[in-house]
Amino acid sequence: MRGGVEIAVAKRGSDTRLVDQWQRAPLRVLWPAVPAGECAQAVLVTTSGGLVAGDHLTLTSRVAEGAALRLGPQAAEKVYRSTGATTLVTAEHHVADGAWLEVLPLETILFDGARFDRRTRFTLTGAAQLLAGEILVFGRLARGETMRQGFVHDGMTVDVDGRLIWADAFRADPPDALLDAPTGLRGGRALATLVHRAPDPDAALSTLRALPAPDTLFGATKIGPLVIARWLGGEAGPVRAGFGAAFCALRAAAGWPDRLPVNWSA
């Protein structure tokens, strides 16, 4: 199944407004009301209930100068066991000078035998700010399942003013050996990555490093104008909690309310 969403937002007075939208099943986008002082929020819904072999989904967002948008899924994404074909997800996000984009993920749960290829690109201009990430879970852990067979590629790039600043690609083909290898995930079953561009990356890095990260392996660093953080854990819960706490703290430092949407906290 081929589906997609394209959205564009712009600043109108003191608010951010939708100026263009296209969607094709199984993807659709909802625009819930937000509390005063919050950025606009776009919620992505996969109406099929999950991704199967051969699905190809595309997402494009454009945030105009001075606008502010939060983008994220309604629920955790499930990627089912494949019979051979690979699920492909491509996303491109363009953030103009002085704009704010946050991409708040929920877990992508990879069933044993899933084949999943995701490629995400962020293009920032001028003083654009970005707060984004991804959370991967290798198997239905609550059922005792680990993703032993299949394929995963999860790539992300960040360009600032036409210059490539960050390029990362996680690949496991198959994941079995990598999950337990001392030089791999060391028994980890959940992995989260956070990328942030802020006016003061040193302060953002200090904020991240001051946060507790119980029951996870955690690290944060600065690469040019970006701050990168990762959490690795044997269970999804602590990884998700650490990511959420960091997301809240960095939002607050940027002048946004220190809270996450209801669907993320449920």
Protein backbone atom coordinates (compact mmCIF):
# COMPACT_ATOMS: atom_id res chain seq x y z
CA MET A 1 0.00 0.00 0.00
CA ARG A 2 1.28 3.47 -0.90
CA GLY A 3 0.20 6.37 1.26
CA GLY A 4 1.42 9.77 2.27
CA VAL A 5 0.92 13.13 3.91
CA GLU A 6 2.13 16.56 2.86
CA ILE A 7 1.51 19.57 5.07
CA ALA A 8 2.65 23.19 5.15
CA VAL A 9 2.13 25.69 7.95
CA ALA A 10 2.79 29.42 8.17
CA LYS A 11 2.58 32.16 10.76
CA ARG A 12 -0.58 34.23 10.65
CA GLY A 13 -0.51 36.99 13.23
CA SER A 14 0.52 35.33 16.49
CA ASP A 15 -0.70 31.87 15.44
CA THR A 16 0.52 29.07 13.19
CA ARG A 17 -2.01 28.07 10.53
CA LEU A 18 -2.30 25.23 8.04
CA VAL A 19 -1.84 26.57 4.50
CA ASP A 20 -1.60 23.36 2.47
CA GLN A 21 -2.40 19.68 3.00
CA TRP A 22 -2.55 16.48 0.97
CA GLN A 23 -3.12 12.98 2.33
CA ARG A 24 -3.55 9.48 0.98
CA ALA A 25 -4.61 6.36 2.87
CA PRO A 26 -3.50 4.68 5.01
CA LEU A 27 -2.01 7.95 6.33
CA ARG A 28 -4.11 10.86 7.45
CA VAL A 29 -3.47 13.88 9.65
CA LEU A 30 -5.60 15.33 12.45
CA TRP A 31 -5.39 18.84 13.90
CA PRO A 32 -6.53 18.81 17.54
CA ALA A 33 -7.15 21.97 19.53
CA VAL A 34 -4.16 22.93 21.66
CA PRO A 35 -3.93 24.84 24.95
CA ALA A 36 -2.96 28.50 24.97
CA GLY A 37 0.76 29.01 24.61
CA GLU A 38 1.30 25.79 22.65
CA CYS A 39 2.50 25.33 19.08
CA ALA A 40 0.21 23.91 16.42
CA GLN A 41 -0.10 20.12 16.56
CA ALA A 42 -0.47 17.65 13.69
CA VAL A 43 -1.27 14.05 14.64
CA LEU A 44 -0.50 11.30 12.13
CA VAL A 45 -2.84 8.32 11.98
CA THR A 46 -2.15 5.03 10.22
CA THR A 47 -5.67 3.83 9.50
CA SER A 48 -4.53 0.32 8.55
CA GLY A 49 -3.43 -0.34 12.14
CA GLY A 50 0.16 -1.16 11.23
CA LEU A 51 2.66 -1.58 8.41
CA VAL A 52 3.07 -4.72 6.34
CA ALA A 53 5.53 -6.00 3.75
CA GLY A 54 5.78 -3.72 0.74
CA ASP A 55 4.03 -0.69 2.24
CA HIS A 56 5.53 2.63 1.12
CA LEU A 57 4.67 5.74 3.11
CA THR A 58 5.89 9.29 2.52
CA LEU A 59 5.71 12.34 4.78
CA THR A 60 6.63 15.92 3.91
CA SER A 61 6.30 18.93 6.19
CA ARG A 62 7.15 22.58 5.60
CA VAL A 63 7.28 25.08 8.44
CA ALA A 64 7.46 28.66 7.22
CA GLU A 65 9.41 31.49 8.83
CA GLY A 66 8.31 32.15 12.41
CA ALA A 67 5.80 29.27 12.50
CA ALA A 68 5.82 26.52 15.13
CA LEU A 69 4.63 22.93 14.70
CA ARG A 70 4.58 19.69 16.65
CA LEU A 71 4.24 16.55 14.53
CA GLY A 72 3.79 13.03 15.82
CA PRO A 73 1.82 9.77 15.58
CA GLN A 74 -1.43 8.99 17.35
CA ALA A 75 -0.11 5.66 18.62
CA ALA A 76 2.92 3.39 18.52
CA GLU A 77 3.58 2.03 15.04
CA LYS A 78 3.61 -1.73 14.50
CA VAL A 79 5.67 -3.26 11.70
CA TYR A 80 4.45 -6.81 11.06
CA ARG A 81 6.41 -9.87 10.02
CA SER A 82 7.30 -9.78 6.33
CA THR A 83 6.91 -12.50 3.73
CA GLY A 84 9.83 -11.00 1.80
CA ALA A 85 9.19 -7.38 0.81
CA THR A 86 10.44 -4.39 2.81
CA THR A 87 8.33 -1.61 4.32
CA LEU A 88 9.69 1.79 3.25
CA VAL A 89 9.01 5.06 5.10
CA THR A 90 10.51 8.31 3.83
CA ALA A 91 10.15 11.68 5.55
CA GLU A 92 11.35 15.15 4.61
CA HIS A 93 10.99 18.15 6.90
CA HIS A 94 11.83 21.71 5.85
CA VAL A 95 12.14 24.32 8.60
CA ALA A 96 12.57 27.98 7.66
CA ASP A 97 14.49 30.74 9.43
CA GLY A 98 13.06 31.43 12.89
CA ALA A 99 10.65 28.49 12.75
CA TRP A 100 10.26 25.67 15.29
CA LEU A 101 9.59 22.02 14.45
CA GLU A 102 9.31 19.20 16.91
CA VAL A 103 8.80 15.61 15.82
CA LEU A 104 7.66 13.67 18.87
CA PRO A 105 7.72 9.93 18.22
CA LEU A 106 6.06 7.00 19.84
CA GLU A 107 7.60 3.57 19.61
CA THR A 108 8.11 1.80 16.30
CA ILE A 109 7.61 -1.85 17.32
CA LEU A 110 9.37 -4.26 14.98
CA PHE A 111 7.88 -7.75 15.02
CA ASP A 112 10.21 -10.71 14.61
CA GLY A 113 10.74 -11.13 10.87
CA ALA A 114 9.80 -7.53 9.98
CA ARG A 115 11.65 -5.76 7.18
CA PHE A 116 11.72 -2.00 7.76
CA ASP A 117 13.56 0.83 6.00
CA ARG A 118 13.04 4.41 7.22
CA ARG A 119 14.84 7.45 5.83
CA THR A 120 14.34 10.86 7.46
CA ARG A 121 15.78 14.18 6.30
CA PHE A 122 15.63 17.55 8.05
CA THR A 123 16.52 20.72 6.15
CA LEU A 124 16.99 23.80 8.34
CA THR A 125 17.53 27.40 7.29
CA GLY A 126 18.95 30.29 9.29
CA ALA A 127 17.86 30.27 12.92
CA ALA A 128 15.44 27.35 12.52
CA GLN A 129 15.06 25.21 15.65
CA LEU A 130 14.47 21.45 15.71
CA LEU A 131 13.60 18.92 18.41
CA ALA A 132 13.05 15.43 17.03
CA GLY A 133 13.76 11.75 17.47
CA GLU A 134 12.84 8.12 16.98
CA ILE A 135 12.23 5.15 19.29
CA LEU A 136 12.83 1.60 18.04
CA VAL A 137 11.66 -1.51 19.91
CA PHE A 138 13.03 -4.84 18.71
CA GLY A 139 10.14 -7.24 19.18
CA ARG A 140 6.90 -7.47 21.13
CA LEU A 141 8.72 -7.46 24.44
CA ALA A 142 5.61 -7.81 26.61
CA ARG A 143 4.94 -11.15 24.87
CA GLY A 144 8.52 -12.31 25.28
CA GLU A 145 9.29 -11.85 21.60
CA THR A 146 12.61 -10.49 20.32
CA MET A 147 13.24 -9.46 16.75
CA ARG A 148 15.77 -12.11 15.72
CA GLN A 149 15.09 -12.27 11.99
CA GLY A 150 14.34 -9.59 9.45
CA PHE A 151 15.93 -6.32 8.41
CA VAL A 152 16.16 -2.79 9.85
CA HIS A 153 17.56 0.37 8.35
CA ASP A 154 16.82 3.64 10.15
CA GLY A 155 18.64 6.62 8.65
CA MET A 156 18.52 10.32 9.52
CA THR A 157 20.25 13.40 8.11
CA VAL A 158 20.18 17.05 9.20
CA ASP A 159 21.23 19.86 6.83
CA VAL A 160 21.70 23.44 8.04
CA ASP A 161 21.92 26.16 5.38
CA GLY A 162 22.79 23.59 2.76
CA ARG A 163 25.52 21.92 4.80
CA LEU A 164 25.22 18.34 6.03
CA ILE A 165 25.73 18.39 9.81
CA TRP A 166 24.47 14.97 10.94
CA ALA A 167 24.13 11.69 9.10
CA ASP A 168 23.28 8.52 10.98
CA ALA A 169 22.20 5.08 9.84
CA PHE A 170 21.31 2.16 12.08
CA ARG A 171 21.32 -1.12 10.16
CA ALA A 172 20.75 -4.71 11.27
CA ASP A 173 20.53 -7.49 8.68
CA PRO A 174 19.54 -9.70 10.40
CA PRO A 175 19.30 -8.17 13.91
CA ASP A 176 19.95 -11.38 15.87
CA ALA A 177 23.71 -11.09 16.38
CA LEU A 178 23.77 -7.29 16.70
CA LEU A 179 21.27 -7.18 19.58
CA ASP A 180 23.45 -9.20 21.93
CA ALA A 181 26.95 -8.38 20.68
CA PRO A 182 29.20 -6.47 23.12
CA THR A 183 30.06 -4.15 20.23
CA GLY A 184 26.39 -3.91 19.22
CA LEU A 185 23.39 -3.28 21.44
CA ARG A 186 24.73 -5.35 24.37
CA GLY A 187 21.38 -6.98 25.05
CA GLY A 188 19.37 -3.84 24.41
CA ARG A 189 15.85 -4.25 23.09
CA ALA A 190 14.85 -0.58 22.80
CA LEU A 191 16.79 2.33 21.33
CA ALA A 192 15.90 6.03 21.25
CA THR A 193 17.64 8.87 19.46
CA LEU A 194 17.04 12.60 20.03
CA VAL A 195 18.31 15.44 17.82
CA HIS A 196 18.05 19.08 18.86
CA ARG A 197 19.10 22.35 17.31
CA ALA A 198 18.92 25.23 19.78
CA PRO A 199 20.36 28.75 19.92
CA ASP A 200 22.70 27.60 22.71
CA PRO A 201 23.71 23.96 22.13
CA ASP A 202 26.10 24.00 25.10
CA ALA A 203 23.26 24.85 27.47
CA ALA A 204 21.06 22.19 25.86
CA LEU A 205 23.80 19.61 26.31
CA SER A 206 24.16 20.52 29.99
CA THR A 207 20.40 20.17 30.43
CA LEU A 208 20.46 16.68 28.92
CA ARG A 209 23.44 15.49 30.92
CA ALA A 210 21.85 16.65 34.18
CA LEU A 211 18.80 14.43 33.70
CA PRO A 212 18.58 11.00 35.37
CA ALA A 213 18.43 8.00 33.04
CA PRO A 214 17.70 4.98 35.26
CA ASP A 215 17.83 1.48 33.78
CA THR A 216 19.30 2.69 30.49
CA LEU A 217 22.63 3.36 28.86
CA PHE A 218 22.57 7.07 28.04
CA GLY A 219 24.89 9.42 26.22
CA ALA A 220 24.72 12.94 24.80
CA THR A 221 27.11 14.97 22.69
CA LYS A 222 27.33 18.11 20.55
CA ILE A 223 28.03 18.11 16.82
CA GLY A 224 28.28 21.64 15.48
CA PRO A 225 24.96 23.38 16.22
CA LEU A 226 23.24 20.08 17.06
CA VAL A 227 22.89 18.13 20.29
CA ILE A 228 22.47 14.36 19.93
CA ALA A 229 21.33 11.99 22.68
CA ARG A 230 20.69 8.24 22.84
CA TRP A 231 19.09 5.81 25.27
CA LEU A 232 19.49 2.03 25.13
CA GLY A 233 17.67 -0.39 27.42
CA GLY A 234 16.50 -3.94 27.85
CA GLU A 235 12.89 -2.74 28.18
CA ALA A 236 10.98 -0.08 26.29
CA GLY A 237 9.57 1.67 29.37
CA PRO A 238 12.78 3.21 30.78
CA VAL A 239 13.96 4.24 27.32
CA ARG A 240 10.66 5.94 26.60
CA ALA A 241 10.64 7.64 30.00
CA GLY A 242 14.15 8.98 29.56
CA PHE A 243 13.38 10.27 26.09
CA GLY A 244 10.15 11.93 27.27
CA ALA A 245 11.85 13.65 30.21
CA ALA A 246 14.54 15.02 27.91
CA PHE A 247 11.97 16.20 25.38
CA CYS A 248 10.07 18.07 28.10
CA ALA A 249 13.20 19.66 29.52
CA LEU A 250 14.39 20.91 26.14
CA ARG A 251 10.92 22.24 25.28
CA ALA A 252 10.90 24.19 28.54
CA ALA A 253 14.36 25.59 27.82
CA ALA A 254 13.05 26.79 24.44
CA GLY A 255 10.13 28.60 26.09
CA TRP A 256 7.39 26.02 25.48
CA PRO A 257 5.26 24.39 28.19
CA ASP A 258 6.96 21.53 30.02
CA ARG A 259 4.47 18.87 28.95
CA LEU A 260 3.74 16.20 26.38
CA PRO A 261 0.41 15.56 24.63
CA VAL A 262 -2.15 13.26 26.19
CA ASN A 263 -1.72 10.50 23.61
CA TRP A 264 2.02 10.30 24.36
CA SER A 265 1.50 9.99 28.09
CA ALA A 266 -1.31 7.41 27.88
